[in-house]
């Protein structure tokens, strides 16, 4: 009887495990898209990242140079779907920078889209989606490298 109880308990405990929904390969691919090591000084990259995110129409919400954090957001146009009802999207970007040895900086960039909905008496969150798009990531890092290079040679003064 104890043997059956142990098997039942094991089945319940191990059968109820959950997974994150992403394999390690997907996580690695995501990291390759969203994280780069740049061969530039931390201060130069940090200031260039602020310029790039502002140039993309974001408003800075939080900035902490000592911890390498930049958080920004921007809002899209409302989409009316009723007399007073609408949806609108907010895009929240976060950039985390870490100085490395030498003149190198690790940069991680992420965007989350939050869809708000309103029926005329306040907004509520309708959905949240992480944006992992190779073209967006490529564009961000291309602009960041370009801006950093301009700053390095003094073209942005």
C-alpha atoms as a PDB file:
ATOM      1  CA  UNK A   1       0.000   0.000   0.000  1.00  0.00           C
ATOM      2  CA  UNK A   2       2.853   2.415   0.843  1.00  0.00           C
ATOM      3  CA  UNK A   3       4.443   1.596  -2.514  1.00  0.00           C
ATOM      4  CA  UNK A   4       1.271   2.634  -4.358  1.00  0.00           C
ATOM      5  CA  UNK A   5       1.055   5.835  -2.317  1.00  0.00           C
ATOM      6  CA  UNK A   6       4.683   6.705  -3.213  1.00  0.00           C
ATOM      7  CA  UNK A   7       4.027   6.091  -6.921  1.00  0.00           C
ATOM      8  CA  UNK A   8       0.838   8.162  -6.797  1.00  0.00           C
ATOM      9  CA  UNK A   9       2.579  11.021  -4.963  1.00  0.00           C
ATOM     10  CA  UNK A  10       5.487  10.925  -7.432  1.00  0.00           C
ATOM     11  CA  UNK A  11       3.103  11.050 -10.378  1.00  0.00           C
ATOM     12  CA  UNK A  12       1.267  14.017  -8.892  1.00  0.00           C
ATOM     13  CA  UNK A  13       4.433  15.943  -8.047  1.00  0.00           C
ATOM     14  CA  UNK A  14       6.350  15.302 -11.256  1.00  0.00           C
ATOM     15  CA  UNK A  15       3.346  15.235 -13.554  1.00  0.00           C
ATOM     16  CA  UNK A  16       2.372  18.764 -12.541  1.00  0.00           C
ATOM     17  CA  UNK A  17       5.606  20.436 -13.546  1.00  0.00           C
ATOM     18  CA  UNK A  18       5.247  23.401 -15.824  1.00  0.00           C
ATOM     19  CA  UNK A  19       7.619  24.770 -18.402  1.00  0.00           C
ATOM     20  CA  UNK A  20       8.291  28.306 -19.473  1.00  0.00           C
ATOM     21  CA  UNK A  21       7.128  27.626 -23.018  1.00  0.00           C
ATOM     22  CA  UNK A  22      10.503  28.428 -24.538  1.00  0.00           C
ATOM     23  CA  UNK A  23      13.362  26.068 -25.079  1.00  0.00           C
ATOM     24  CA  UNK A  24      16.960  26.989 -24.364  1.00  0.00           C
ATOM     25  CA  UNK A  25      17.558  27.263 -28.113  1.00  0.00           C
ATOM     26  CA  UNK A  26      14.790  29.851 -28.424  1.00  0.00           C
ATOM     27  CA  UNK A  27      16.206  31.734 -25.446  1.00  0.00           C
ATOM     28  CA  UNK A  28      19.662  31.731 -27.002  1.00  0.00           C
ATOM     29  CA  UNK A  29      18.290  32.966 -30.326  1.00  0.00           C
ATOM     30  CA  UNK A  30      16.378  35.703 -28.522  1.00  0.00           C
ATOM     31  CA  UNK A  31      19.503  36.759 -26.648  1.00  0.00           C
ATOM     32  CA  UNK A  32      21.459  36.898 -29.917  1.00  0.00           C
ATOM     33  CA  UNK A  33      18.835  39.255 -31.328  1.00  0.00           C
ATOM     34  CA  UNK A  34      18.483  41.510 -28.302  1.00  0.00           C
ATOM     35  CA  UNK A  35      22.004  41.595 -26.883  1.00  0.00           C
ATOM     36  CA  UNK A  36      25.256  42.821 -28.437  1.00  0.00           C
ATOM     37  CA  UNK A  37      28.751  43.606 -27.237  1.00  0.00           C
ATOM     38  CA  UNK A  38      29.978  46.857 -28.727  1.00  0.00           C
ATOM     39  CA  UNK A  39      33.639  47.842 -28.970  1.00  0.00           C
ATOM     40  CA  UNK A  40      33.037  51.306 -27.505  1.00  0.00           C
ATOM     41  CA  UNK A  41      33.393  53.020 -24.142  1.00  0.00           C
ATOM     42  CA  UNK A  42      30.418  52.689 -21.771  1.00  0.00           C
ATOM     43  CA  UNK A  43      29.791  56.452 -21.433  1.00  0.00           C
ATOM     44  CA  UNK A  44      29.820  56.913 -25.190  1.00  0.00           C
ATOM     45  CA  UNK A  45      27.378  54.041 -25.784  1.00  0.00           C
ATOM     46  CA  UNK A  46      25.097  55.115 -22.920  1.00  0.00           C
ATOM     47  CA  UNK A  47      24.741  58.674 -24.227  1.00  0.00           C
ATOM     48  CA  UNK A  48      24.262  57.392 -27.786  1.00  0.00           C
ATOM     49  CA  UNK A  49      21.518  55.004 -26.622  1.00  0.00           C
ATOM     50  CA  UNK A  50      19.613  57.940 -25.112  1.00  0.00           C
ATOM     51  CA  UNK A  51      19.896  59.845 -28.401  1.00  0.00           C
ATOM     52  CA  UNK A  52      18.716  56.863 -30.464  1.00  0.00           C
ATOM     53  CA  UNK A  53      15.709  56.124 -28.262  1.00  0.00           C
ATOM     54  CA  UNK A  54      14.661  59.793 -28.292  1.00  0.00           C
ATOM     55  CA  UNK A  55      15.091  59.912 -32.077  1.00  0.00           C
ATOM     56  CA  UNK A  56      12.649  56.983 -32.293  1.00  0.00           C
ATOM     57  CA  UNK A  57       9.940  59.084 -30.636  1.00  0.00           C
ATOM     58  CA  UNK A  58      10.162  57.593 -27.161  1.00  0.00           C
ATOM     59  CA  UNK A  59       9.872  59.621 -23.957  1.00  0.00           C
ATOM     60  CA  UNK A  60      12.400  58.773 -21.262  1.00  0.00           C
ATOM     61  CA  UNK A  61      10.622  57.497 -18.136  1.00  0.00           C
ATOM     62  CA  UNK A  62      13.600  56.364 -16.054  1.00  0.00           C
ATOM     63  CA  UNK A  63      17.329  56.762 -16.425  1.00  0.00           C
ATOM     64  CA  UNK A  64      20.078  55.405 -14.180  1.00  0.00           C
ATOM     65  CA  UNK A  65      23.568  55.682 -15.616  1.00  0.00           C
ATOM     66  CA  UNK A  66      25.224  54.041 -12.589  1.00  0.00           C
ATOM     67  CA  UNK A  67      23.195  50.864 -13.128  1.00  0.00           C
ATOM     68  CA  UNK A  68      23.097  51.145 -16.925  1.00  0.00           C
ATOM     69  CA  UNK A  69      19.340  51.479 -17.289  1.00  0.00           C
ATOM     70  CA  UNK A  70      17.214  53.460 -19.726  1.00  0.00           C
ATOM     71  CA  UNK A  71      13.427  52.989 -19.758  1.00  0.00           C
ATOM     72  CA  UNK A  72      11.256  54.829 -22.273  1.00  0.00           C
ATOM     73  CA  UNK A  73       7.764  54.665 -23.731  1.00  0.00           C
ATOM     74  CA  UNK A  74       5.713  55.976 -26.609  1.00  0.00           C
ATOM     75  CA  UNK A  75       2.058  55.780 -27.507  1.00  0.00           C
ATOM     76  CA  UNK A  76       0.439  54.984 -30.838  1.00  0.00           C
ATOM     77  CA  UNK A  77      -2.726  56.595 -32.185  1.00  0.00           C
ATOM     78  CA  UNK A  78      -6.073  55.553 -30.753  1.00  0.00           C
ATOM     79  CA  UNK A  79      -8.150  53.091 -32.749  1.00  0.00           C
ATOM     80  CA  UNK A  80     -11.833  53.987 -32.293  1.00  0.00           C
ATOM     81  CA  UNK A  81     -14.204  51.037 -32.372  1.00  0.00           C
ATOM     82  CA  UNK A  82     -17.289  52.650 -30.907  1.00  0.00           C
ATOM     83  CA  UNK A  83     -18.739  56.012 -29.999  1.00  0.00           C
ATOM     84  CA  UNK A  84     -16.488  56.360 -26.940  1.00  0.00           C
ATOM     85  CA  UNK A  85     -14.650  53.021 -27.092  1.00  0.00           C
ATOM     86  CA  UNK A  86     -11.108  52.707 -28.346  1.00  0.00           C
ATOM     87  CA  UNK A  87      -7.878  50.723 -28.167  1.00  0.00           C
ATOM     88  CA  UNK A  88      -4.389  52.201 -28.079  1.00  0.00           C
ATOM     89  CA  UNK A  89      -0.918  50.744 -27.903  1.00  0.00           C
ATOM     90  CA  UNK A  90       1.952  51.788 -25.681  1.00  0.00           C
ATOM     91  CA  UNK A  91       5.465  50.640 -26.469  1.00  0.00           C
ATOM     92  CA  UNK A  92       7.873  50.382 -23.558  1.00  0.00           C
ATOM     93  CA  UNK A  93      11.549  50.071 -24.362  1.00  0.00           C
ATOM     94  CA  UNK A  94      14.279  49.125 -21.946  1.00  0.00           C
ATOM     95  CA  UNK A  95      17.984  49.307 -22.575  1.00  0.00           C
ATOM     96  CA  UNK A  96      20.432  47.779 -20.134  1.00  0.00           C
ATOM     97  CA  UNK A  97      24.125  48.548 -20.547  1.00  0.00           C
ATOM     98  CA  UNK A  98      27.038  46.920 -18.747  1.00  0.00           C
ATOM     99  CA  UNK A  99      30.635  48.110 -19.017  1.00  0.00           C
ATOM    100  CA  UNK A 100      33.107  45.339 -19.826  1.00  0.00           C
ATOM    101  CA  UNK A 101      36.873  45.222 -19.669  1.00  0.00           C
ATOM    102  CA  UNK A 102      38.619  47.505 -22.105  1.00  0.00           C
ATOM    103  CA  UNK A 103      36.540  49.792 -24.280  1.00  0.00           C
ATOM    104  CA  UNK A 104      33.618  47.379 -24.553  1.00  0.00           C
ATOM    105  CA  UNK A 105      29.977  47.632 -23.520  1.00  0.00           C
ATOM    106  CA  UNK A 106      27.279  44.947 -23.427  1.00  0.00           C
ATOM    107  CA  UNK A 107      23.875  46.268 -24.532  1.00  0.00           C
ATOM    108  CA  UNK A 108      20.526  44.511 -24.144  1.00  0.00           C
ATOM    109  CA  UNK A 109      17.474  46.038 -25.794  1.00  0.00           C
ATOM    110  CA  UNK A 110      13.846  45.040 -25.366  1.00  0.00           C
ATOM    111  CA  UNK A 111      10.393  46.295 -26.308  1.00  0.00           C
ATOM    112  CA  UNK A 112       7.004  45.393 -24.866  1.00  0.00           C
ATOM    113  CA  UNK A 113       3.717  46.388 -26.508  1.00  0.00           C
ATOM    114  CA  UNK A 114       0.858  47.021 -24.100  1.00  0.00           C
ATOM    115  CA  UNK A 115      -2.605  47.367 -25.617  1.00  0.00           C
ATOM    116  CA  UNK A 116      -5.059  49.443 -23.597  1.00  0.00           C
ATOM    117  CA  UNK A 117      -8.793  49.393 -24.164  1.00  0.00           C
ATOM    118  CA  UNK A 118     -11.450  51.836 -23.047  1.00  0.00           C
ATOM    119  CA  UNK A 119     -15.207  51.693 -23.081  1.00  0.00           C
ATOM    120  CA  UNK A 120     -15.521  55.358 -22.146  1.00  0.00           C
ATOM    121  CA  UNK A 121     -14.941  55.118 -18.396  1.00  0.00           C
ATOM    122  CA  UNK A 122     -11.202  54.480 -18.065  1.00  0.00           C
ATOM    123  CA  UNK A 123      -8.588  52.289 -19.611  1.00  0.00           C
ATOM    124  CA  UNK A 124      -7.637  48.723 -18.813  1.00  0.00           C
ATOM    125  CA  UNK A 125      -4.852  46.523 -20.131  1.00  0.00           C
ATOM    126  CA  UNK A 126      -6.171  44.359 -22.944  1.00  0.00           C
ATOM    127  CA  UNK A 127      -2.912  42.617 -23.788  1.00  0.00           C
ATOM    128  CA  UNK A 128       0.861  42.571 -23.327  1.00  0.00           C
ATOM    129  CA  UNK A 129       3.260  41.282 -25.952  1.00  0.00           C
ATOM    130  CA  UNK A 130       7.043  41.179 -26.016  1.00  0.00           C
ATOM    131  CA  UNK A 131       8.325  42.332 -29.393  1.00  0.00           C
ATOM    132  CA  UNK A 132      11.156  40.114 -30.630  1.00  0.00           C
ATOM    133  CA  UNK A 133      11.617  41.116 -34.254  1.00  0.00           C
ATOM    134  CA  UNK A 134      14.966  40.709 -36.023  1.00  0.00           C
ATOM    135  CA  UNK A 135      14.388  43.780 -38.212  1.00  0.00           C
ATOM    136  CA  UNK A 136      13.649  46.027 -35.209  1.00  0.00           C
ATOM    137  CA  UNK A 137      16.648  44.711 -33.301  1.00  0.00           C
ATOM    138  CA  UNK A 138      18.911  45.115 -36.336  1.00  0.00           C
ATOM    139  CA  UNK A 139      17.678  48.676 -36.889  1.00  0.00           C
ATOM    140  CA  UNK A 140      18.216  49.637 -33.248  1.00  0.00           C
ATOM    141  CA  UNK A 141      21.758  48.282 -33.066  1.00  0.00           C
ATOM    142  CA  UNK A 142      22.634  49.775 -36.464  1.00  0.00           C
ATOM    143  CA  UNK A 143      21.436  53.208 -35.305  1.00  0.00           C
ATOM    144  CA  UNK A 144      23.214  52.795 -31.966  1.00  0.00           C
ATOM    145  CA  UNK A 145      26.538  51.923 -33.607  1.00  0.00           C
ATOM    146  CA  UNK A 146      26.158  54.777 -36.098  1.00  0.00           C
ATOM    147  CA  UNK A 147      25.338  57.287 -33.358  1.00  0.00           C
ATOM    148  CA  UNK A 148      28.185  56.025 -31.176  1.00  0.00           C
ATOM    149  CA  UNK A 149      30.638  56.307 -34.063  1.00  0.00           C
ATOM    150  CA  UNK A 150      29.470  59.863 -34.791  1.00  0.00           C
ATOM    151  CA  UNK A 151      29.913  60.786 -31.139  1.00  0.00           C
ATOM    152  CA  UNK A 152      33.335  59.172 -31.049  1.00  0.00           C
ATOM    153  CA  UNK A 153      34.648  61.348 -33.875  1.00  0.00           C
ATOM    154  CA  UNK A 154      32.871  64.455 -32.581  1.00  0.00           C
ATOM    155  CA  UNK A 155      30.172  64.876 -35.248  1.00  0.00           C
ATOM    156  CA  UNK A 156      27.377  65.260 -32.666  1.00  0.00           C
ATOM    157  CA  UNK A 157      28.689  68.328 -30.877  1.00  0.00           C
END
